[in-house]
Amino acid sequence: MINKAIINTENAPAAIGTYSQAIKVNNTVYLSGQIPLDPKSMELVEGGIESEINQVFNNLAAICQAAGGDLKNIVKLNVYLTDLANFSIVNTIMASHFEEPYPARAAIGISRLPKEAEVEMDAIMVI
């Protein structure tokens, strides 16, 4: 039997389209893409790519927590960057949010993101 639940938290940005922040199916949580929006103002954070990456991880962490887990439960992470030259910055900041064993990951270069963000990430978490 499939047990499906919508995950929602005010500690992460509200969905800006026809999607949920996350969907939990049994013990797997599928987290929607997060861009660096401040959950209170719903505006992009200022301070450059480092601030954007940290905010995305904060948003993912808030959704993980709402689902009963945390970042260490992420098994697959997809990173979307408008400039792949920022990949090394992602690695450095990711190391401050995760411990080994790190999740499986893909890094994808794309031309544009919503609200002109420079980074977006989605994830799969198992709890």
C-alpha atoms as a PDB file:
ATOM      1  CA  MET A   1       0.000   0.000   0.000  1.00  0.00           C
ATOM      2  CA  ILE A   2       1.311   3.422  -0.931  1.00  0.00           C
ATOM      3  CA  ASN A   3       1.230   6.050   1.813  1.00  0.00           C
ATOM      4  CA  LYS A   4       1.437   9.507   0.200  1.00  0.00           C
ATOM      5  CA  ALA A   5       1.573  12.870   2.002  1.00  0.00           C
ATOM      6  CA  ILE A   6       2.143  16.469   1.005  1.00  0.00           C
ATOM      7  CA  ILE A   7       4.970  18.163   2.929  1.00  0.00           C
ATOM      8  CA  ASN A   8       4.641  21.881   3.568  1.00  0.00           C
ATOM      9  CA  THR A   9       6.440  24.307   5.874  1.00  0.00           C
ATOM     10  CA  GLU A  10       6.429  28.053   6.367  1.00  0.00           C
ATOM     11  CA  ASN A  11      10.205  27.818   6.978  1.00  0.00           C
ATOM     12  CA  ALA A  12      10.813  27.371   3.248  1.00  0.00           C
ATOM     13  CA  PRO A  13       9.477  29.417   0.340  1.00  0.00           C
ATOM     14  CA  ALA A  14       5.886  28.758  -0.624  1.00  0.00           C
ATOM     15  CA  ALA A  15       5.387  27.098  -3.979  1.00  0.00           C
ATOM     16  CA  ILE A  16       5.258  29.681  -6.772  1.00  0.00           C
ATOM     17  CA  GLY A  17       3.498  27.364  -9.180  1.00  0.00           C
ATOM     18  CA  THR A  18       1.464  24.207  -9.444  1.00  0.00           C
ATOM     19  CA  TYR A  19       3.626  21.983  -7.237  1.00  0.00           C
ATOM     20  CA  SER A  20       4.176  20.981  -3.612  1.00  0.00           C
ATOM     21  CA  GLN A  21       7.310  21.718  -1.591  1.00  0.00           C
ATOM     22  CA  ALA A  22       7.692  17.959  -1.244  1.00  0.00           C
ATOM     23  CA  ILE A  23       5.773  14.707  -1.495  1.00  0.00           C
ATOM     24  CA  LYS A  24       6.412  11.823   0.889  1.00  0.00           C
ATOM     25  CA  VAL A  25       5.707   8.348  -0.464  1.00  0.00           C
ATOM     26  CA  ASN A  26       6.230   5.711   2.220  1.00  0.00           C
ATOM     27  CA  ASN A  27       9.748   6.492   3.505  1.00  0.00           C
ATOM     28  CA  THR A  28      10.932   8.438   0.448  1.00  0.00           C
ATOM     29  CA  VAL A  29      10.558  12.210   0.163  1.00  0.00           C
ATOM     30  CA  TYR A  30      10.766  13.961  -3.193  1.00  0.00           C
ATOM     31  CA  LEU A  31      11.758  17.607  -2.665  1.00  0.00           C
ATOM     32  CA  SER A  32      10.827  20.122  -5.351  1.00  0.00           C
ATOM     33  CA  GLY A  33      13.434  22.462  -6.737  1.00  0.00           C
ATOM     34  CA  GLN A  34      14.426  25.262  -4.397  1.00  0.00           C
ATOM     35  CA  ILE A  35      15.808  28.589  -5.513  1.00  0.00           C
ATOM     36  CA  PRO A  36      17.398  31.074  -3.085  1.00  0.00           C
ATOM     37  CA  LEU A  37      14.210  32.758  -1.920  1.00  0.00           C
ATOM     38  CA  ASP A  38      13.892  34.083   1.608  1.00  0.00           C
ATOM     39  CA  PRO A  39      10.794  32.273   2.920  1.00  0.00           C
ATOM     40  CA  LYS A  40       9.453  35.385   4.664  1.00  0.00           C
ATOM     41  CA  SER A  41       9.876  37.976   1.903  1.00  0.00           C
ATOM     42  CA  MET A  42       9.734  35.536  -1.060  1.00  0.00           C
ATOM     43  CA  GLU A  43      12.543  37.610  -2.611  1.00  0.00           C
ATOM     44  CA  LEU A  44      15.945  36.381  -3.767  1.00  0.00           C
ATOM     45  CA  VAL A  45      18.615  36.711  -1.101  1.00  0.00           C
ATOM     46  CA  GLU A  46      21.339  39.264  -1.723  1.00  0.00           C
ATOM     47  CA  GLY A  47      25.064  38.734  -1.428  1.00  0.00           C
ATOM     48  CA  GLY A  48      26.045  36.798  -4.531  1.00  0.00           C
ATOM     49  CA  ILE A  49      26.323  33.137  -5.399  1.00  0.00           C
ATOM     50  CA  GLU A  50      27.572  32.036  -1.959  1.00  0.00           C
ATOM     51  CA  SER A  51      24.511  33.523  -0.265  1.00  0.00           C
ATOM     52  CA  GLU A  52      22.260  31.972  -2.889  1.00  0.00           C
ATOM     53  CA  ILE A  53      23.748  28.484  -2.439  1.00  0.00           C
ATOM     54  CA  ASN A  54      23.499  28.676   1.355  1.00  0.00           C
ATOM     55  CA  GLN A  55      19.873  29.822   1.154  1.00  0.00           C
ATOM     56  CA  VAL A  56      18.993  26.923  -1.129  1.00  0.00           C
ATOM     57  CA  PHE A  57      20.511  24.489   1.385  1.00  0.00           C
ATOM     58  CA  ASN A  58      18.606  26.232   4.205  1.00  0.00           C
ATOM     59  CA  ASN A  59      15.360  25.884   2.240  1.00  0.00           C
ATOM     60  CA  LEU A  60      16.021  22.206   1.540  1.00  0.00           C
ATOM     61  CA  ALA A  61      16.889  21.624   5.216  1.00  0.00           C
ATOM     62  CA  ALA A  62      13.602  23.215   6.338  1.00  0.00           C
ATOM     63  CA  ILE A  63      11.608  20.940   4.047  1.00  0.00           C
ATOM     64  CA  CYS A  64      13.604  17.894   5.163  1.00  0.00           C
ATOM     65  CA  GLN A  65      12.833  18.788   8.780  1.00  0.00           C
ATOM     66  CA  ALA A  66       9.128  19.195   8.024  1.00  0.00           C
ATOM     67  CA  ALA A  67       9.179  15.692   6.555  1.00  0.00           C
ATOM     68  CA  GLY A  68      10.882  14.217   9.625  1.00  0.00           C
ATOM     69  CA  GLY A  69      14.478  14.146   8.400  1.00  0.00           C
ATOM     70  CA  ASP A  70      17.421  16.402   7.677  1.00  0.00           C
ATOM     71  CA  LEU A  71      20.025  16.984   4.999  1.00  0.00           C
ATOM     72  CA  LYS A  72      21.931  13.820   5.992  1.00  0.00           C
ATOM     73  CA  ASN A  73      18.923  11.808   4.773  1.00  0.00           C
ATOM     74  CA  ILE A  74      19.264  13.128   1.203  1.00  0.00           C
ATOM     75  CA  VAL A  75      20.368  10.335  -1.116  1.00  0.00           C
ATOM     76  CA  LYS A  76      20.204  12.222  -4.452  1.00  0.00           C
ATOM     77  CA  LEU A  77      20.819  15.904  -5.100  1.00  0.00           C
ATOM     78  CA  ASN A  78      20.466  17.732  -8.405  1.00  0.00           C
ATOM     79  CA  VAL A  79      22.173  21.117  -8.741  1.00  0.00           C
ATOM     80  CA  TYR A  80      21.219  23.492 -11.544  1.00  0.00           C
ATOM     81  CA  LEU A  81      23.608  26.386 -12.226  1.00  0.00           C
ATOM     82  CA  THR A  82      23.369  29.248 -14.681  1.00  0.00           C
ATOM     83  CA  ASP A  83      27.192  29.380 -14.627  1.00  0.00           C
ATOM     84  CA  LEU A  84      29.086  26.105 -14.220  1.00  0.00           C
ATOM     85  CA  ALA A  85      32.141  28.144 -13.157  1.00  0.00           C
ATOM     86  CA  ASN A  86      30.365  28.262  -9.761  1.00  0.00           C
ATOM     87  CA  PHE A  87      30.575  24.469  -9.393  1.00  0.00           C
ATOM     88  CA  SER A  88      33.621  24.656  -7.091  1.00  0.00           C
ATOM     89  CA  ILE A  89      31.747  27.084  -4.831  1.00  0.00           C
ATOM     90  CA  VAL A  90      28.872  24.587  -4.621  1.00  0.00           C
ATOM     91  CA  ASN A  91      31.345  21.879  -3.572  1.00  0.00           C
ATOM     92  CA  THR A  92      32.881  24.047  -0.849  1.00  0.00           C
ATOM     93  CA  ILE A  93      29.536  25.122   0.599  1.00  0.00           C
ATOM     94  CA  MET A  94      28.038  21.645   0.241  1.00  0.00           C
ATOM     95  CA  ALA A  95      30.881  20.267   2.395  1.00  0.00           C
ATOM     96  CA  SER A  96      29.725  22.569   5.220  1.00  0.00           C
ATOM     97  CA  HIS A  97      26.138  21.239   5.040  1.00  0.00           C
ATOM     98  CA  PHE A  98      26.783  17.504   4.470  1.00  0.00           C
ATOM     99  CA  GLU A  99      28.966  14.752   5.893  1.00  0.00           C
ATOM    100  CA  GLU A 100      30.298  11.655   4.179  1.00  0.00           C
ATOM    101  CA  PRO A 101      28.912   9.601   2.684  1.00  0.00           C
ATOM    102  CA  TYR A 102      27.717  12.413   0.426  1.00  0.00           C
ATOM    103  CA  PRO A 103      24.546  11.952  -1.622  1.00  0.00           C
ATOM    104  CA  ALA A 104      24.655  10.995  -5.264  1.00  0.00           C
ATOM    105  CA  ARG A 105      24.602  14.218  -7.268  1.00  0.00           C
ATOM    106  CA  ALA A 106      24.274  15.751 -10.698  1.00  0.00           C
ATOM    107  CA  ALA A 107      25.314  19.260 -11.689  1.00  0.00           C
ATOM    108  CA  ILE A 108      23.540  20.697 -14.693  1.00  0.00           C
ATOM    109  CA  GLY A 109      24.291  23.925 -16.527  1.00  0.00           C
ATOM    110  CA  ILE A 110      21.185  25.779 -17.672  1.00  0.00           C
ATOM    111  CA  SER A 111      20.506  29.147 -19.255  1.00  0.00           C
ATOM    112  CA  ARG A 112      17.940  30.641 -16.855  1.00  0.00           C
ATOM    113  CA  LEU A 113      16.133  29.995 -13.587  1.00  0.00           C
ATOM    114  CA  PRO A 114      12.966  31.493 -12.093  1.00  0.00           C
ATOM    115  CA  LYS A 115      13.339  35.008 -10.685  1.00  0.00           C
ATOM    116  CA  GLU A 116      16.832  35.208 -12.253  1.00  0.00           C
ATOM    117  CA  ALA A 117      18.329  32.955  -9.544  1.00  0.00           C
ATOM    118  CA  GLU A 118      21.800  31.562 -10.228  1.00  0.00           C
ATOM    119  CA  VAL A 119      21.198  28.192  -8.543  1.00  0.00           C
ATOM    120  CA  GLU A 120      18.392  25.716  -7.950  1.00  0.00           C
ATOM    121  CA  MET A 121      18.471  22.301  -6.288  1.00  0.00           C
ATOM    122  CA  ASP A 122      16.043  19.426  -5.881  1.00  0.00           C
ATOM    123  CA  ALA A 123      16.537  16.257  -3.895  1.00  0.00           C
ATOM    124  CA  ILE A 124      15.343  12.819  -2.907  1.00  0.00           C
ATOM    125  CA  MET A 125      15.454  11.924   0.773  1.00  0.00           C
ATOM    126  CA  VAL A 126      14.947   8.561   2.459  1.00  0.00           C
ATOM    127  CA  ILE A 127      13.931   8.443   6.134  1.00  0.00           C
END
